[in-house]
PDB file of N, CA and C in Angstrom:
ATOM      1  N   MET A   1       0.841  -1.186   0.000  1.00  0.00           N
ATOM      2  CA  MET A   1       0.000   0.000   0.000  1.00  0.00           C
ATOM      3  C   MET A   1       0.883   1.245   0.000  1.00  0.00           C
ATOM      4  N   ASN A   2       0.435   2.204  -0.730  1.00  0.00           N
ATOM      5  CA  ASN A   2       1.215   3.435  -0.715  1.00  0.00           C
ATOM      6  C   ASN A   2       0.795   4.317   0.457  1.00  0.00           C
ATOM      7  N   GLU A   3       1.608   5.294   0.752  1.00  0.00           N
ATOM      8  CA  GLU A   3       1.398   6.163   1.917  1.00  0.00           C
ATOM      9  C   GLU A   3       0.119   6.993   1.795  1.00  0.00           C
ATOM     10  N   ARG A   4      -0.203   7.410   0.591  1.00  0.00           N
ATOM     11  CA  ARG A   4      -1.388   8.239   0.402  1.00  0.00           C
ATOM     12  C   ARG A   4      -2.663   7.460   0.751  1.00  0.00           C
ATOM     13  N   PHE A   5      -2.704   6.205   0.341  1.00  0.00           N
ATOM     14  CA  PHE A   5      -3.867   5.362   0.638  1.00  0.00           C
ATOM     15  C   PHE A   5      -3.957   5.064   2.134  1.00  0.00           C
ATOM     16  N   LYS A   6      -2.815   4.808   2.779  1.00  0.00           N
ATOM     17  CA  LYS A   6      -2.804   4.572   4.233  1.00  0.00           C
ATOM     18  C   LYS A   6      -3.326   5.795   4.982  1.00  0.00           C
ATOM     19  N   HIS A   7      -2.884   6.976   4.545  1.00  0.00           N
ATOM     20  CA  HIS A   7      -3.332   8.217   5.178  1.00  0.00           C
ATOM     21  C   HIS A   7      -4.846   8.390   5.005  1.00  0.00           C
ATOM     22  N   PHE A   8      -5.355   8.055   3.819  1.00  0.00           N
ATOM     23  CA  PHE A   8      -6.790   8.156   3.563  1.00  0.00           C
ATOM     24  C   PHE A   8      -7.573   7.207   4.467  1.00  0.00           C
ATOM     25  N   LEU A   9      -7.112   5.963   4.601  1.00  0.00           N
ATOM     26  CA  LEU A   9      -7.803   4.992   5.454  1.00  0.00           C
ATOM     27  C   LEU A   9      -7.786   5.429   6.914  1.00  0.00           C
ATOM     28  N   LEU A  10      -6.659   5.931   7.384  1.00  0.00           N
ATOM     29  CA  LEU A  10      -6.562   6.383   8.767  1.00  0.00           C
ATOM     30  C   LEU A  10      -7.470   7.577   9.005  1.00  0.00           C
ATOM     31  N   LYS A  11      -7.505   8.500   8.062  1.00  0.00           N
ATOM     32  CA  LYS A  11      -8.365   9.678   8.193  1.00  0.00           C
ATOM     33  C   LYS A  11      -9.837   9.282   8.208  1.00  0.00           C
ATOM     34  N   GLU A  12     -10.237   8.344   7.351  1.00  0.00           N
ATOM     35  CA  GLU A  12     -11.628   7.896   7.311  1.00  0.00           C
ATOM     36  C   GLU A  12     -12.006   7.129   8.574  1.00  0.00           C
ATOM     37  N   ALA A  13     -11.073   6.424   9.169  1.00  0.00           N
ATOM     38  CA  ALA A  13     -11.354   5.661  10.381  1.00  0.00           C
ATOM     39  C   ALA A  13     -11.579   6.583  11.575  1.00  0.00           C
ATOM     40  N   LEU A  14     -10.944   7.750  11.577  1.00  0.00           N
ATOM     41  CA  LEU A  14     -11.061   8.664  12.707  1.00  0.00           C
ATOM     42  C   LEU A  14     -12.280   9.571  12.621  1.00  0.00           C
ATOM     43  N   VAL A  15     -12.830   9.753  11.424  1.00  0.00           N
ATOM     44  CA  VAL A  15     -13.972  10.643  11.231  1.00  0.00           C
ATOM     45  C   VAL A  15     -15.254   9.839  11.403  1.00  0.00           C
ATOM     46  N   MET A  16     -16.107  10.266  12.329  1.00  0.00           N
ATOM     47  CA  MET A  16     -17.370   9.579  12.556  1.00  0.00           C
ATOM     48  C   MET A  16     -18.475  10.212  11.726  1.00  0.00           C
ATOM     49  N   ASN A  17     -19.436   9.421  11.389  1.00  0.00           N
ATOM     50  CA  ASN A  17     -20.624   9.920  10.728  1.00  0.00           C
ATOM     51  C   ASN A  17     -21.389  10.780  11.735  1.00  0.00           C
ATOM     52  N   GLU A  18     -22.014  11.862  11.285  1.00  0.00           N
ATOM     53  CA  GLU A  18     -22.717  12.750  12.215  1.00  0.00           C
ATOM     54  C   GLU A  18     -23.898  12.061  12.891  1.00  0.00           C
ATOM     55  N   PHE A  19     -24.486  11.050  12.243  1.00  0.00           N
ATOM     56  CA  PHE A  19     -25.610  10.344  12.845  1.00  0.00           C
ATOM     57  C   PHE A  19     -25.155   9.320  13.879  1.00  0.00           C
ATOM     58  N   GLU A  20     -23.888   8.919  13.829  1.00  0.00           N
ATOM     59  CA  GLU A  20     -23.379   7.979  14.818  1.00  0.00           C
ATOM     60  C   GLU A  20     -23.102   8.661  16.151  1.00  0.00           C
ATOM     61  N   LYS A  21     -22.961   9.971  16.153  1.00  0.00           N
ATOM     62  CA  LYS A  21     -22.648  10.688  17.389  1.00  0.00           C
ATOM     63  C   LYS A  21     -23.863  10.798  18.299  1.00  0.00           C
ATOM     64  N   ASP A  22     -25.043  10.993  17.709  1.00  0.00           N
ATOM     65  CA  ASP A  22     -26.257  11.190  18.494  1.00  0.00           C
ATOM     66  C   ASP A  22     -27.331  10.231  17.985  1.00  0.00           C
ATOM     67  N   VAL A  23     -27.271   8.996  18.460  1.00  0.00           N
ATOM     68  CA  VAL A  23     -28.242   8.006  17.999  1.00  0.00           C
ATOM     69  C   VAL A  23     -29.539   8.166  18.775  1.00  0.00           C
ATOM     70  N   GLN A  24     -30.666   7.853  18.114  1.00  0.00           N
ATOM     71  CA  GLN A  24     -31.963   8.001  18.768  1.00  0.00           C
ATOM     72  C   GLN A  24     -32.232   6.841  19.721  1.00  0.00           C
ATOM     73  N   SER A  25     -31.869   5.646  19.315  1.00  0.00           N
ATOM     74  CA  SER A  25     -32.146   4.473  20.131  1.00  0.00           C
ATOM     75  C   SER A  25     -30.885   3.638  20.248  1.00  0.00           C
ATOM     76  N   LYS A  26     -30.537   3.261  21.464  1.00  0.00           N
ATOM     77  CA  LYS A  26     -29.340   2.469  21.675  1.00  0.00           C
ATOM     78  C   LYS A  26     -29.657   0.977  21.767  1.00  0.00           C
ATOM     79  N   ARG A  27     -30.931   0.614  21.533  1.00  0.00           N
ATOM     80  CA  ARG A  27     -31.302  -0.799  21.572  1.00  0.00           C
ATOM     81  C   ARG A  27     -30.773  -1.526  20.351  1.00  0.00           C
ATOM     82  N   HIS A  28     -30.617  -2.815  20.485  1.00  0.00           N
ATOM     83  CA  HIS A  28     -30.142  -3.622  19.372  1.00  0.00           C
ATOM     84  C   HIS A  28     -31.291  -3.847  18.393  1.00  0.00           C
ATOM     85  N   ASP A  29     -30.993  -3.853  17.106  1.00  0.00           N
ATOM     86  CA  ASP A  29     -32.030  -4.017  16.084  1.00  0.00           C
ATOM     87  C   ASP A  29     -32.680  -5.391  16.126  1.00  0.00           C
ATOM     88  N   LEU A  30     -32.004  -6.369  16.702  1.00  0.00           N
ATOM     89  CA  LEU A  30     -32.555  -7.721  16.770  1.00  0.00           C
ATOM     90  C   LEU A  30     -33.847  -7.750  17.573  1.00  0.00           C
ATOM     91  N   PHE A  31     -33.908  -6.982  18.657  1.00  0.00           N
ATOM     92  CA  PHE A  31     -35.119  -6.942  19.474  1.00  0.00           C
ATOM     93  C   PHE A  31     -36.291  -6.357  18.695  1.00  0.00           C
ATOM     94  N   ASP A  32     -36.050  -5.261  17.990  1.00  0.00           N
ATOM     95  CA  ASP A  32     -37.113  -4.641  17.197  1.00  0.00           C
ATOM     96  C   ASP A  32     -37.584  -5.562  16.079  1.00  0.00           C
ATOM     97  N   ALA A  33     -36.654  -6.255  15.445  1.00  0.00           N
ATOM     98  CA  ALA A  33     -37.024  -7.194  14.385  1.00  0.00           C
ATOM     99  C   ALA A  33     -37.834  -8.356  14.960  1.00  0.00           C
ATOM    100  N   GLY A  34     -37.454  -8.831  16.121  1.00  0.00           N
ATOM    101  CA  GLY A  34     -38.190  -9.929  16.764  1.00  0.00           C
ATOM    102  C   GLY A  34     -39.597  -9.514  17.144  1.00  0.00           C
ATOM    103  N   PHE A  35     -39.740  -8.331  17.719  1.00  0.00           N
ATOM    104  CA  PHE A  35     -41.071  -7.847  18.080  1.00  0.00           C
ATOM    105  C   PHE A  35     -41.935  -7.655  16.839  1.00  0.00           C
ATOM    106  N   GLY A  36     -41.355  -7.118  15.777  1.00  0.00           N
ATOM    107  CA  GLY A  36     -42.109  -6.934  14.540  1.00  0.00           C
ATOM    108  C   GLY A  36     -42.572  -8.263  13.964  1.00  0.00           C
ATOM    109  N   PHE A  37     -41.710  -9.264  14.009  1.00  0.00           N
ATOM    110  CA  PHE A  37     -42.090 -10.583  13.505  1.00  0.00           C
ATOM    111  C   PHE A  37     -43.203 -11.187  14.344  1.00  0.00           C
ATOM    112  N   ILE A  38     -43.060 -11.121  15.654  1.00  0.00           N
ATOM    113  CA  ILE A  38     -44.057 -11.734  16.547  1.00  0.00           C
ATOM    114  C   ILE A  38     -45.410 -11.040  16.401  1.00  0.00           C
ATOM    115  N   PHE A  39     -45.430  -9.712  16.404  1.00  0.00           N
ATOM    116  CA  PHE A  39     -46.703  -8.995  16.315  1.00  0.00           C
ATOM    117  C   PHE A  39     -47.374  -9.196  14.960  1.00  0.00           C
ATOM    118  N   SER A  40     -46.609  -9.204  13.888  1.00  0.00           N
ATOM    119  CA  SER A  40     -47.228  -9.432  12.582  1.00  0.00           C
ATOM    120  C   SER A  40     -47.728 -10.868  12.471  1.00  0.00           C
ATOM    121  N   PHE A  41     -46.984 -11.828  13.033  1.00  0.00           N
ATOM    122  CA  PHE A  41     -47.437 -13.217  13.031  1.00  0.00           C
ATOM    123  C   PHE A  41     -48.740 -13.361  13.810  1.00  0.00           C
ATOM    124  N   LEU A  42     -48.818 -12.743  14.988  1.00  0.00           N
ATOM    125  CA  LEU A  42     -50.043 -12.819  15.786  1.00  0.00           C
ATOM    126  C   LEU A  42     -51.220 -12.152  15.080  1.00  0.00           C
ATOM    127  N   PHE A  43     -50.973 -11.028  14.420  1.00  0.00           N
ATOM    128  CA  PHE A  43     -52.024 -10.334  13.698  1.00  0.00           C
ATOM    129  C   PHE A  43     -52.614 -11.219  12.598  1.00  0.00           C
ATOM    130  N   PHE A  44     -51.761 -11.823  11.783  1.00  0.00           N
ATOM    131  CA  PHE A  44     -52.257 -12.668  10.699  1.00  0.00           C
ATOM    132  C   PHE A  44     -52.872 -13.959  11.228  1.00  0.00           C
ATOM    133  N   MET A  45     -52.391 -14.453  12.372  1.00  0.00           N
ATOM    134  CA  MET A  45     -52.992 -15.639  12.968  1.00  0.00           C
ATOM    135  C   MET A  45     -54.410 -15.327  13.459  1.00  0.00           C
ATOM    136  N   ILE A  46     -54.597 -14.157  14.052  1.00  0.00           N
ATOM    137  CA  ILE A  46     -55.930 -13.753  14.512  1.00  0.00           C
ATOM    138  C   ILE A  46     -56.880 -13.606  13.333  1.00  0.00           C
ATOM    139  N   ILE A  47     -56.396 -12.968  12.246  1.00  0.00           N
ATOM    140  CA  ILE A  47     -57.244 -12.810  11.049  1.00  0.00           C
ATOM    141  C   ILE A  47     -57.625 -14.173  10.482  1.00  0.00           C
ATOM    142  N   PHE A  48     -56.660 -15.106  10.456  1.00  0.00           N
ATOM    143  CA  PHE A  48     -56.926 -16.448   9.940  1.00  0.00           C
ATOM    144  C   PHE A  48     -57.985 -17.148  10.783  1.00  0.00           C
ATOM    145  N   PHE A  49     -57.844 -17.090  12.116  1.00  0.00           N
ATOM    146  CA  PHE A  49     -58.810 -17.773  12.961  1.00  0.00           C
ATOM    147  C   PHE A  49     -60.192 -17.119  12.932  1.00  0.00           C
ATOM    148  N   ILE A  50     -60.265 -15.836  12.713  1.00  0.00           N
ATOM    149  CA  ILE A  50     -61.563 -15.201  12.520  1.00  0.00           C
ATOM    150  C   ILE A  50     -62.229 -15.763  11.269  1.00  0.00           C
ATOM    151  N   GLY A  51     -61.454 -15.931  10.196  1.00  0.00           N
ATOM    152  CA  GLY A  51     -61.980 -16.542   8.971  1.00  0.00           C
ATOM    153  C   GLY A  51     -62.408 -17.975   9.198  1.00  0.00           C
ATOM    154  N   VAL A  52     -61.638 -18.738   9.960  1.00  0.00           N
ATOM    155  CA  VAL A  52     -61.977 -20.144  10.246  1.00  0.00           C
ATOM    156  C   VAL A  52     -63.266 -20.216  11.056  1.00  0.00           C
ATOM    157  N   ILE A  53     -63.421 -19.335  12.021  1.00  0.00           N
ATOM    158  CA  ILE A  53     -64.629 -19.329  12.847  1.00  0.00           C
ATOM    159  C   ILE A  53     -65.858 -18.987  11.998  1.00  0.00           C
ATOM    160  N   PHE A  54     -65.741 -17.960  11.148  1.00  0.00           N
ATOM    161  CA  PHE A  54     -66.876 -17.610  10.282  1.00  0.00           C
ATOM    162  C   PHE A  54     -67.192 -18.729   9.298  1.00  0.00           C
ATOM    163  N   ASP A  55     -66.164 -19.434   8.831  1.00  0.00           N
ATOM    164  CA  ASP A  55     -66.410 -20.555   7.929  1.00  0.00           C
ATOM    165  C   ASP A  55     -67.090 -21.707   8.659  1.00  0.00           C
ATOM    166  N   ALA A  56     -66.738 -21.925   9.912  1.00  0.00           N
ATOM    167  CA  ALA A  56     -67.355 -23.012  10.668  1.00  0.00           C
ATOM    168  C   ALA A  56     -68.809 -22.681  11.024  1.00  0.00           C
ATOM    169  N   ILE A  57     -69.103 -21.398  11.225  1.00  0.00           N
ATOM    170  CA  ILE A  57     -70.474 -20.992  11.543  1.00  0.00           C
ATOM    171  C   ILE A  57     -71.393 -21.204  10.333  1.00  0.00           C
ATOM    172  N   ASN A  58     -70.908 -20.887   9.158  1.00  0.00           N
ATOM    173  CA  ASN A  58     -71.745 -21.023   7.961  1.00  0.00           C
ATOM    174  C   ASN A  58     -71.739 -22.439   7.554  1.00  0.00           C
TER     175      ASN A  58
END
């Protein structure tokens, strides 16, 4: 590697993105993804069982 490229990499490593300095939520994204999956699964399961109940009534 040449010196100019090394200097560029070092400079980029030290400069933070402005959004990384003040994050809105420090929670891990895995928790949010898990909650989204569970709630959407429960929602569609409820809709399905409502359809099954109406089909059984008729």
